[in-house]
């Protein structure tokens, strides 16, 4: 029979908790620690939101908790009204011409009854010589990038208002040129761009093209440095800090197709997409208060927190591939003045000095979804008789709207523009939309197998007559 001896039970070596710390007390302690951490983050986030949107923390919290419901943006979405947001990018303090908006983009959002909205990013050149809309129905002429600066200098309808002064001149000027209402604006300086990237530990960008820019500004002229430096980027994945991302986004004279405003706007979009990806990652969420504080010092906007939440909710599921990237430049509605031979400074002018041509394009920038999804082959022919590459111009303009286009070259001259449906009705939606755009009726024409020219192109054909090309008669030194 085994003997049983009484002894004090030894405490298990696996029980690492002190005797006073029970499981219940441990759980309560952990909850308290997490609560303090989350509370601290919440406070920082509230103050960051208040800083970025120029409001108080209480209003920031209430706006964030509302989820965008009831905001002006939410109401526009419910009414399926197009929303236009003008973005002005400028150097800010310490730069030559602190508020000259050298980067300008109109972001247009077209809500749909179901599914994600249509979105267009419209790049607008800074050197466009235009009438600038000042206060009391006054105008002055200058580069478009001066409009926002004029407002900040007190020449607009809201002088002295640090947030909205620039837009009080910039927005009406854009509206006069493009023929659409600007609902909201965002003014952002280069410091915000750089600090935002640094606040999340940099961004990862897949550079699409290798390019070199030999004329990147080395410094600022008002600080005595008007020189240039050479910058270079290799194609492929790269991690960029704020300074590198800013150079990548600002470069204007790169080779290998990266020297246009259109290419620059695409690079800026890559940085913004990379920044968004970093912020919404698990590791990046913790940096959100720092990001908002970085933006708060360098961003001006009339969007409320509720508006911003409603916008995010509307566009978060949009496939980036479907976004239209439109560039207004000297390949379409504008022309180079011919500096230095024909003009004393570099300017771009509109072919149509009434701006009606560019306005019609911007107002109709969203073809019906059924038209885009139809993917009809669309061919443009130049029958204007002017020899100004009308078919090339319009095939590029239509391609920026998401249509499948090709350049058919020249055709025998005719007075009126014609839209021909050669698809046997299969592409009727596309033909109807184009006919409405050009103000004509659809011509139905059977394809002749042995024919050449417009009658053999197939799909939908647009024959550009001399009537359409009258709007492109404004450039000097070009023969008719």
Protein backbone atom coordinates (compact mmCIF):
# COMPACT_ATOMS: atom_id res chain seq x y z
CA UNK A 1 0.00 0.00 0.00
CA UNK A 2 1.43 3.24 -1.02
CA UNK A 3 2.05 5.72 1.65
CA UNK A 4 0.55 9.13 1.45
CA UNK A 5 2.43 12.00 2.91
CA UNK A 6 1.08 15.47 3.34
CA UNK A 7 3.17 18.31 1.96
CA UNK A 8 2.68 21.86 0.69
CA UNK A 9 1.78 21.83 -3.02
CA UNK A 10 4.51 23.37 -5.12
CA UNK A 11 3.45 26.21 -7.33
CA UNK A 12 3.58 25.21 -10.99
CA UNK A 13 6.55 26.54 -12.88
CA UNK A 14 4.15 27.25 -15.76
CA UNK A 15 2.11 29.75 -13.76
CA UNK A 16 4.04 32.93 -14.44
CA UNK A 17 1.45 35.33 -13.04
CA UNK A 18 2.05 36.79 -9.59
CA UNK A 19 -0.44 35.45 -7.07
CA UNK A 20 -2.30 38.77 -6.93
CA UNK A 21 -2.82 38.96 -10.72
CA UNK A 22 -5.77 36.81 -11.52
CA UNK A 23 -6.97 36.12 -15.06
CA UNK A 24 -9.86 38.50 -14.52
CA UNK A 25 -7.55 41.27 -13.37
CA UNK A 26 -5.27 40.61 -16.36
CA UNK A 27 -8.14 40.94 -18.82
CA UNK A 28 -9.27 44.19 -17.19
CA UNK A 29 -5.71 45.54 -17.31
CA UNK A 30 -5.28 44.66 -20.99
CA UNK A 31 -8.61 46.26 -21.87
CA UNK A 32 -7.55 49.41 -20.04
CA UNK A 33 -4.19 49.54 -21.84
CA UNK A 34 -5.80 49.01 -25.23
CA UNK A 35 -8.44 51.60 -24.38
CA UNK A 36 -5.79 54.16 -23.50
CA UNK A 37 -3.87 53.39 -26.71
CA UNK A 38 -6.98 53.58 -28.88
CA UNK A 39 -8.15 56.66 -27.03
CA UNK A 40 -4.79 58.36 -27.60
CA UNK A 41 -4.92 57.43 -31.28
CA UNK A 42 -8.51 58.69 -31.48
CA UNK A 43 -7.56 62.01 -29.95
CA UNK A 44 -4.62 62.38 -32.32
CA UNK A 45 -6.85 61.43 -35.24
CA UNK A 46 -9.52 63.94 -34.21
CA UNK A 47 -6.98 66.74 -33.92
CA UNK A 48 -5.43 65.67 -37.24
CA UNK A 49 -8.81 65.80 -38.97
CA UNK A 50 -9.55 69.17 -37.40
CA UNK A 51 -6.18 70.45 -38.59
CA UNK A 52 -6.59 69.18 -42.15
CA UNK A 53 -10.14 70.46 -42.56
CA UNK A 54 -9.67 73.69 -40.60
CA UNK A 55 -12.32 72.98 -37.99
CA UNK A 56 -12.43 72.10 -34.29
CA UNK A 57 -11.90 68.55 -32.94
CA UNK A 58 -15.51 68.15 -31.79
CA UNK A 59 -16.84 69.02 -35.26
CA UNK A 60 -14.21 66.69 -36.73
CA UNK A 61 -15.41 63.78 -34.59
CA UNK A 62 -19.07 64.44 -35.40
CA UNK A 63 -18.29 64.73 -39.10
CA UNK A 64 -16.30 61.51 -39.10
CA UNK A 65 -18.97 59.60 -37.20
CA UNK A 66 -21.60 60.75 -39.69
CA UNK A 67 -19.99 58.70 -42.44
CA UNK A 68 -20.81 61.34 -45.07
CA UNK A 69 -24.56 60.95 -44.70
CA UNK A 70 -26.43 64.16 -45.38
CA UNK A 71 -23.40 65.96 -46.79
CA UNK A 72 -23.61 68.02 -49.98
CA UNK A 73 -21.62 65.36 -51.81
CA UNK A 74 -24.01 62.64 -50.62
CA UNK A 75 -26.97 64.68 -51.86
CA UNK A 76 -25.33 65.18 -55.27
CA UNK A 77 -24.77 61.45 -55.48
CA UNK A 78 -28.42 60.72 -54.69
CA UNK A 79 -29.50 63.18 -57.41
CA UNK A 80 -26.95 61.69 -59.85
CA UNK A 81 -25.41 65.14 -60.30
CA UNK A 82 -21.90 65.46 -61.68
CA UNK A 83 -19.34 66.63 -59.06
CA UNK A 84 -16.34 68.74 -60.11
CA UNK A 85 -13.34 69.21 -57.83
CA UNK A 86 -10.58 71.61 -58.88
CA UNK A 87 -7.08 70.84 -57.58
CA UNK A 88 -4.45 73.59 -57.52
CA UNK A 89 -0.83 72.61 -56.86
CA UNK A 90 1.65 75.39 -56.00
CA UNK A 91 5.05 75.93 -54.45
CA UNK A 92 3.95 77.59 -51.22
CA UNK A 93 6.13 79.56 -48.86
CA UNK A 94 9.81 79.75 -49.79
CA UNK A 95 9.16 79.30 -53.51
CA UNK A 96 9.28 81.79 -56.36
CA UNK A 97 5.63 82.76 -56.93
CA UNK A 98 4.29 80.96 -53.85
CA UNK A 99 0.71 80.55 -55.13
CA UNK A 100 1.27 80.18 -58.88
CA UNK A 101 -0.58 76.94 -59.55
CA UNK A 102 1.83 75.11 -61.82
CA UNK A 103 -0.18 71.89 -61.50
CA UNK A 104 -3.92 72.06 -62.17
CA UNK A 105 -6.38 69.24 -62.51
CA UNK A 106 -10.16 69.08 -62.62
CA UNK A 107 -11.44 65.82 -61.15
CA UNK A 108 -14.93 65.14 -62.42
CA UNK A 109 -17.14 62.43 -60.87
CA UNK A 110 -20.33 61.26 -62.55
CA UNK A 111 -22.50 59.14 -60.18
CA UNK A 112 -24.43 56.21 -61.61
CA UNK A 113 -27.78 54.72 -60.63
CA UNK A 114 -25.99 51.49 -59.79
CA UNK A 115 -22.34 50.60 -59.56
CA UNK A 116 -19.32 52.89 -59.23
CA UNK A 117 -19.26 56.37 -60.80
CA UNK A 118 -17.45 57.49 -63.94
CA UNK A 119 -14.36 59.55 -63.17
CA UNK A 120 -12.26 61.84 -65.35
CA UNK A 121 -8.99 63.54 -64.42
CA UNK A 122 -8.54 66.58 -66.67
CA UNK A 123 -5.04 68.04 -66.76
CA UNK A 124 -4.99 71.79 -67.52
CA UNK A 125 -1.77 73.54 -68.64
CA UNK A 126 -0.37 76.40 -66.60
CA UNK A 127 0.77 78.44 -69.64
CA UNK A 128 -2.68 78.85 -71.21
CA UNK A 129 -3.14 82.60 -71.81
CA UNK A 130 -6.69 83.38 -70.70
CA UNK A 131 -9.02 86.02 -69.29
CA UNK A 132 -8.76 85.82 -65.50
CA UNK A 133 -12.04 86.46 -63.71
CA UNK A 134 -11.48 89.04 -60.96
CA UNK A 135 -13.95 90.63 -58.57
CA UNK A 136 -16.81 92.93 -59.68
CA UNK A 137 -16.97 91.38 -63.18
CA UNK A 138 -13.46 92.61 -63.99
CA UNK A 139 -10.99 90.66 -66.09
CA UNK A 140 -7.31 90.73 -66.80
CA UNK A 141 -5.34 88.54 -69.18
CA UNK A 142 -2.49 86.32 -68.09
CA UNK A 143 -1.30 82.75 -67.69
CA UNK A 144 -3.88 80.46 -66.15
CA UNK A 145 -1.53 79.60 -63.28
CA UNK A 146 -1.82 83.23 -62.10
CA UNK A 147 -5.55 83.00 -61.34
CA UNK A 148 -5.28 81.20 -57.98
CA UNK A 149 -2.38 83.48 -57.01
CA UNK A 150 -4.42 86.58 -57.87
CA UNK A 151 -7.11 85.40 -55.47
CA UNK A 152 -4.59 84.85 -52.69
CA UNK A 153 -3.30 88.38 -53.32
CA UNK A 154 -6.79 89.78 -52.60
CA UNK A 155 -8.10 90.34 -56.13
CA UNK A 156 -11.08 88.01 -55.78
CA UNK A 157 -14.46 88.03 -54.12
CA UNK A 158 -13.11 86.80 -50.78
CA UNK A 159 -10.00 88.83 -49.98
CA UNK A 160 -8.42 88.03 -46.65
CA UNK A 161 -10.01 84.57 -46.37
CA UNK A 162 -6.93 82.37 -46.16
CA UNK A 163 -8.86 79.24 -47.12
CA UNK A 164 -10.99 80.36 -50.07
CA UNK A 165 -9.30 83.49 -51.46
CA UNK A 166 -7.38 81.68 -54.19
CA UNK A 167 -10.38 79.71 -55.38
CA UNK A 168 -12.52 82.87 -55.51
CA UNK A 169 -10.58 83.80 -58.66
CA UNK A 170 -9.33 80.39 -59.80
CA UNK A 171 -12.73 78.64 -59.84
CA UNK A 172 -14.65 81.28 -61.88
CA UNK A 173 -11.79 81.40 -64.36
CA UNK A 174 -11.90 77.62 -64.85
CA UNK A 175 -15.68 77.73 -65.14
CA UNK A 176 -15.47 80.37 -67.89
CA UNK A 177 -12.95 78.30 -69.85
CA UNK A 178 -14.42 74.82 -69.46
CA UNK A 179 -18.13 75.56 -69.19
CA UNK A 180 -18.76 73.46 -66.07
CA UNK A 181 -19.41 74.46 -62.47
CA UNK A 182 -16.61 73.89 -59.95
CA UNK A 183 -18.25 72.47 -56.82
CA UNK A 184 -15.19 72.11 -54.61
CA UNK A 185 -11.50 72.96 -54.64
CA UNK A 186 -8.32 71.70 -53.05
CA UNK A 187 -5.20 73.85 -52.87
CA UNK A 188 -2.04 71.94 -52.01
CA UNK A 189 1.57 73.08 -51.86
CA UNK A 190 4.65 71.03 -52.59
CA UNK A 191 5.52 70.75 -48.88
CA UNK A 192 2.28 68.85 -48.26
CA UNK A 193 3.12 66.43 -51.04
CA UNK A 194 6.57 65.74 -49.62
CA UNK A 195 5.53 65.60 -45.96
CA UNK A 196 2.55 63.36 -46.67
CA UNK A 197 4.81 60.75 -48.28
CA UNK A 198 7.38 60.97 -45.49
CA UNK A 199 4.69 60.73 -42.79
CA UNK A 200 3.85 57.16 -43.91
CA UNK A 201 7.46 56.07 -44.34
CA UNK A 202 7.64 56.55 -48.10
CA UNK A 203 5.71 54.92 -50.95
CA UNK A 204 6.30 52.10 -53.40
CA UNK A 205 5.86 53.10 -57.04
CA UNK A 206 6.20 51.06 -60.23
CA UNK A 207 7.82 53.58 -62.62
CA UNK A 208 6.40 52.86 -66.10
CA UNK A 209 9.18 54.42 -68.23
CA UNK A 210 12.86 55.12 -67.84
CA UNK A 211 13.42 58.85 -68.35
CA UNK A 212 15.87 61.70 -67.79
CA UNK A 213 15.01 65.34 -67.19
CA UNK A 214 17.96 67.67 -67.81
CA UNK A 215 16.00 70.80 -66.87
CA UNK A 216 14.64 70.10 -63.40
CA UNK A 217 14.77 73.27 -61.23
CA UNK A 218 17.77 73.17 -58.90
CA UNK A 219 16.31 75.79 -56.56
CA UNK A 220 14.13 78.88 -56.48
CA UNK A 221 14.82 82.05 -58.46
CA UNK A 222 13.64 84.32 -55.65
CA UNK A 223 16.39 82.78 -53.53
CA UNK A 224 19.01 83.39 -56.19
CA UNK A 225 19.07 79.87 -57.65
CA UNK A 226 17.61 79.77 -61.16
CA UNK A 227 19.76 76.86 -62.30
CA UNK A 228 18.82 73.38 -63.45
CA UNK A 229 19.85 69.89 -62.47
CA UNK A 230 19.51 66.49 -64.09
CA UNK A 231 17.21 63.87 -62.60
CA UNK A 232 16.80 60.30 -63.77
CA UNK A 233 14.37 57.46 -63.05
CA UNK A 234 14.64 53.85 -64.11
CA UNK A 235 11.57 51.84 -65.03
CA UNK A 236 10.40 49.33 -62.45
CA UNK A 237 9.47 49.16 -58.76
CA UNK A 238 11.03 51.84 -56.55
CA UNK A 239 10.62 52.97 -52.96
CA UNK A 240 10.47 56.77 -52.82
CA UNK A 241 10.77 59.17 -49.93
CA UNK A 242 8.99 62.52 -50.03
CA UNK A 243 11.77 64.40 -51.82
CA UNK A 244 12.10 61.76 -54.55
CA UNK A 245 8.34 61.44 -54.99
CA UNK A 246 8.07 65.21 -55.40
CA UNK A 247 10.73 65.25 -58.14
CA UNK A 248 9.02 62.31 -59.86
CA UNK A 249 5.68 64.15 -59.79
CA UNK A 250 6.98 67.62 -60.76
CA UNK A 251 9.31 66.73 -63.65
CA UNK A 252 8.18 68.52 -66.82
CA UNK A 253 10.97 67.99 -69.37
CA UNK A 254 11.67 64.27 -69.30
CA UNK A 255 12.55 62.30 -72.42
CA UNK A 256 11.02 59.01 -73.57
CA UNK A 257 7.50 60.47 -73.67
CA UNK A 258 7.59 61.86 -70.12
CA UNK A 259 7.83 65.56 -71.07
CA UNK A 260 4.13 66.34 -71.43
CA UNK A 261 1.60 67.63 -68.91
CA UNK A 262 -0.36 64.45 -69.55
CA UNK A 263 2.61 62.25 -68.57
CA UNK A 264 3.22 64.37 -65.48
CA UNK A 265 -0.41 64.04 -64.38
CA UNK A 266 -0.15 60.26 -64.76
CA UNK A 267 2.95 60.24 -62.54
CA UNK A 268 1.17 62.34 -59.95
CA UNK A 269 -1.68 59.83 -59.98
CA UNK A 270 0.80 57.00 -59.36
CA UNK A 271 2.10 58.76 -56.25
CA UNK A 272 -1.41 59.44 -54.95
CA UNK A 273 -2.43 55.80 -55.54
CA UNK A 274 0.72 54.58 -53.77
CA UNK A 275 0.05 56.93 -50.86
CA UNK A 276 -3.54 55.69 -50.58
CA UNK A 277 -2.34 52.08 -50.61
CA UNK A 278 0.16 52.80 -47.85
CA UNK A 279 -2.33 54.64 -45.65
CA UNK A 280 -5.01 51.93 -45.76
CA UNK A 281 -2.50 49.15 -45.03
CA UNK A 282 -2.41 47.78 -41.50
CA UNK A 283 0.94 49.38 -40.79
CA UNK A 284 -0.02 52.67 -42.38
CA UNK A 285 -3.19 53.30 -40.40
CA UNK A 286 -1.12 54.18 -37.36
CA UNK A 287 0.48 56.99 -39.35
CA UNK A 288 -2.85 58.53 -40.33
CA UNK A 289 -2.78 61.29 -37.66
CA UNK A 290 0.73 62.29 -38.79
CA UNK A 291 -0.44 62.35 -42.40
CA UNK A 292 -3.42 64.56 -41.57
CA UNK A 293 -1.23 66.93 -39.59
CA UNK A 294 1.22 67.14 -42.50
CA UNK A 295 -1.64 68.00 -44.83
CA UNK A 296 -3.24 70.43 -42.41
CA UNK A 297 -0.41 72.92 -42.65
CA UNK A 298 -0.31 72.83 -46.42
CA UNK A 299 -3.79 72.10 -47.77
CA UNK A 300 -6.73 74.46 -48.28
CA UNK A 301 -10.19 73.17 -49.23
CA UNK A 302 -13.88 73.92 -48.93
CA UNK A 303 -14.69 70.21 -48.56
CA UNK A 304 -16.00 69.23 -45.16
CA UNK A 305 -15.06 65.99 -43.41
CA UNK A 306 -18.52 64.63 -44.23
CA UNK A 307 -18.03 65.57 -47.89
CA UNK A 308 -14.67 63.81 -47.93
CA UNK A 309 -16.16 60.68 -46.37
CA UNK A 310 -18.99 60.66 -48.91
CA UNK A 311 -16.48 61.05 -51.76
CA UNK A 312 -14.38 58.19 -50.47
CA UNK A 313 -17.42 55.97 -50.11
CA UNK A 314 -18.41 56.75 -53.70
CA UNK A 315 -15.05 56.18 -55.43
CA UNK A 316 -13.34 53.52 -53.27
CA UNK A 317 -14.45 50.64 -55.52
CA UNK A 318 -13.67 52.32 -58.85
CA UNK A 319 -11.29 50.31 -61.03
CA UNK A 320 -8.36 52.67 -61.81
CA UNK A 321 -8.30 51.31 -65.38
CA UNK A 322 -11.70 52.90 -66.06
CA UNK A 323 -10.63 56.43 -65.05
CA UNK A 324 -10.40 58.83 -67.99
CA UNK A 325 -7.11 60.74 -68.24
CA UNK A 326 -7.65 63.86 -70.32
CA UNK A 327 -4.99 66.40 -71.21
CA UNK A 328 -5.80 69.80 -72.71
CA UNK A 329 -2.68 70.78 -74.65
CA UNK A 330 -1.22 71.81 -77.98
CA UNK A 331 -2.17 68.51 -79.61
CA UNK A 332 -5.87 69.31 -79.40
CA UNK A 333 -7.66 72.51 -78.31
CA UNK A 334 -4.59 74.71 -77.75
CA UNK A 335 -1.62 75.87 -79.80
CA UNK A 336 1.87 77.08 -78.99
CA UNK A 337 2.34 80.77 -79.78
CA UNK A 338 5.70 80.04 -81.43
CA UNK A 339 8.06 81.38 -78.78
CA UNK A 340 10.52 83.02 -79.25
CA UNK A 341 9.96 83.69 -82.95
CA UNK A 342 6.30 84.81 -82.82
CA UNK A 343 5.83 85.92 -79.21
CA UNK A 344 7.85 87.41 -76.38
CA UNK A 345 7.02 84.70 -73.84
CA UNK A 346 5.87 81.09 -73.93
CA UNK A 347 2.06 80.96 -74.07
CA UNK A 348 -0.63 78.54 -75.16
CA UNK A 349 -3.75 79.91 -76.82
CA UNK A 350 -7.11 78.31 -77.60
CA UNK A 351 -7.81 77.69 -81.28
CA UNK A 352 -11.40 78.71 -80.55
CA UNK A 353 -11.20 82.01 -78.67
CA UNK A 354 -14.86 81.65 -77.62
CA UNK A 355 -13.86 78.43 -75.79
CA UNK A 356 -17.03 76.76 -77.05
CA UNK A 357 -15.16 73.80 -78.57
CA UNK A 358 -13.32 72.86 -75.41
CA UNK A 359 -16.47 73.50 -73.36
CA UNK A 360 -18.50 71.09 -75.49
CA UNK A 361 -15.83 68.43 -75.04
CA UNK A 362 -15.62 68.82 -71.25
CA UNK A 363 -19.39 68.97 -70.87
CA UNK A 364 -19.69 65.68 -72.79
CA UNK A 365 -16.68 63.99 -71.29
CA UNK A 366 -18.67 61.01 -70.04
CA UNK A 367 -20.11 58.85 -72.84
CA UNK A 368 -23.01 56.70 -71.68
CA UNK A 369 -21.73 53.50 -70.00
CA UNK A 370 -23.44 51.49 -72.74
CA UNK A 371 -21.31 53.31 -75.31
CA UNK A 372 -18.04 52.62 -73.49
CA UNK A 373 -18.89 48.97 -72.88
CA UNK A 374 -19.85 48.51 -76.53
CA UNK A 375 -16.15 48.89 -77.53
CA UNK A 376 -17.16 49.73 -81.08
CA UNK A 377 -14.30 50.27 -83.55
CA UNK A 378 -14.36 54.00 -84.29
CA UNK A 379 -12.47 55.56 -87.22
CA UNK A 380 -11.98 59.28 -87.87
CA UNK A 381 -11.35 60.69 -91.36
CA UNK A 382 -10.23 64.24 -92.14
CA UNK A 383 -12.42 65.67 -94.90
CA UNK A 384 -11.93 69.30 -93.85
CA UNK A 385 -9.50 70.10 -96.65
CA UNK A 386 -7.27 72.03 -94.23
CA UNK A 387 -4.54 69.46 -93.69
CA UNK A 388 -4.28 70.07 -89.92
CA UNK A 389 -4.41 66.39 -88.88
CA UNK A 390 -8.01 66.58 -87.72
CA UNK A 391 -8.40 62.80 -87.83
CA UNK A 392 -5.36 62.32 -85.56
CA UNK A 393 -6.58 64.97 -83.14
CA UNK A 394 -10.08 63.56 -82.81
CA UNK A 395 -9.01 59.92 -82.59
CA UNK A 396 -6.83 60.91 -79.62
CA UNK A 397 -9.59 63.00 -78.02
CA UNK A 398 -12.09 60.15 -78.31
CA UNK A 399 -9.54 57.62 -77.02
CA UNK A 400 -9.13 59.69 -73.84
CA UNK A 401 -12.85 59.12 -73.22
CA UNK A 402 -12.36 55.37 -73.22
CA UNK A 403 -13.45 54.72 -76.83
CA UNK A 404 -11.66 52.36 -79.23
CA UNK A 405 -10.35 54.63 -81.99
CA UNK A 406 -8.14 54.73 -85.05
CA UNK A 407 -6.93 57.43 -87.43
CA UNK A 408 -8.20 56.94 -90.96
CA UNK A 409 -6.27 59.85 -92.48
CA UNK A 410 -7.56 62.14 -95.21
CA UNK A 411 -10.73 61.81 -97.23
CA UNK A 412 -12.21 63.90 -100.08
CA UNK A 413 -13.26 67.30 -98.85
CA UNK A 414 -16.83 67.82 -97.70
CA UNK A 415 -18.58 70.69 -95.94
CA UNK A 416 -20.48 68.86 -93.20
CA UNK A 417 -19.34 66.34 -90.62
CA UNK A 418 -20.92 62.91 -91.01
CA UNK A 419 -21.36 59.98 -88.60
CA UNK A 420 -21.77 56.68 -90.44
CA UNK A 421 -22.89 53.42 -88.83
CA UNK A 422 -21.25 50.63 -90.83
CA UNK A 423 -21.89 47.98 -88.18
CA UNK A 424 -25.31 46.89 -89.37
CA UNK A 425 -26.79 48.32 -86.18
CA UNK A 426 -24.46 46.42 -83.81
CA UNK A 427 -22.75 49.67 -82.75
CA UNK A 428 -25.83 51.86 -82.89
CA UNK A 429 -25.35 53.24 -79.36
CA UNK A 430 -21.90 54.58 -80.20
CA UNK A 431 -23.07 56.05 -83.50
CA UNK A 432 -26.01 57.76 -81.80
CA UNK A 433 -23.81 59.29 -79.09
CA UNK A 434 -21.29 60.64 -81.62
CA UNK A 435 -24.04 62.03 -83.84
CA UNK A 436 -25.45 63.87 -80.84
CA UNK A 437 -22.01 65.23 -79.99
CA UNK A 438 -21.38 66.58 -83.50
CA UNK A 439 -24.97 67.76 -83.96
CA UNK A 440 -25.82 65.52 -86.93
CA UNK A 441 -27.96 62.46 -87.65
CA UNK A 442 -26.60 58.97 -88.13
CA UNK A 443 -26.05 57.78 -91.70
CA UNK A 444 -26.47 54.04 -92.21
CA UNK A 445 -24.20 52.63 -94.86
CA UNK A 446 -23.47 49.07 -95.91
CA UNK A 447 -19.80 48.19 -96.28
CA UNK A 448 -18.60 47.49 -99.79
CA UNK A 449 -16.00 44.69 -99.67
CA UNK A 450 -13.89 46.11 -102.50
CA UNK A 451 -14.20 49.74 -101.43
CA UNK A 452 -11.60 51.86 -99.68
CA UNK A 453 -11.80 54.91 -97.43
CA UNK A 454 -14.65 55.76 -95.04
CA UNK A 455 -17.10 53.36 -96.64
CA UNK A 456 -14.85 50.38 -95.88
CA UNK A 457 -13.72 51.16 -92.36
CA UNK A 458 -16.39 49.18 -90.55
CA UNK A 459 -17.81 49.88 -87.11
CA UNK A 460 -18.59 53.58 -86.75
CA UNK A 461 -17.01 56.23 -88.96
CA UNK A 462 -16.77 59.97 -88.35
CA UNK A 463 -15.94 62.04 -91.42
CA UNK A 464 -14.82 65.44 -90.15
CA UNK A 465 -16.08 68.17 -92.47
CA UNK A 466 -14.86 71.73 -92.85
CA UNK A 467 -17.64 72.87 -90.47
CA UNK A 468 -16.02 71.14 -87.51
CA UNK A 469 -12.56 72.42 -88.38
CA UNK A 470 -13.63 76.08 -88.32
CA UNK A 471 -13.06 75.99 -84.56
CA UNK A 472 -9.39 75.18 -85.17
CA UNK A 473 -8.58 78.16 -87.36
CA UNK A 474 -7.07 80.33 -84.64
CA UNK A 475 -3.40 79.37 -84.79
CA UNK A 476 -1.18 81.96 -86.53
CA UNK A 477 1.07 81.04 -89.39
CA UNK A 478 -0.94 77.97 -90.42
CA UNK A 479 -2.33 77.89 -93.91
CA UNK A 480 -5.87 76.90 -94.77
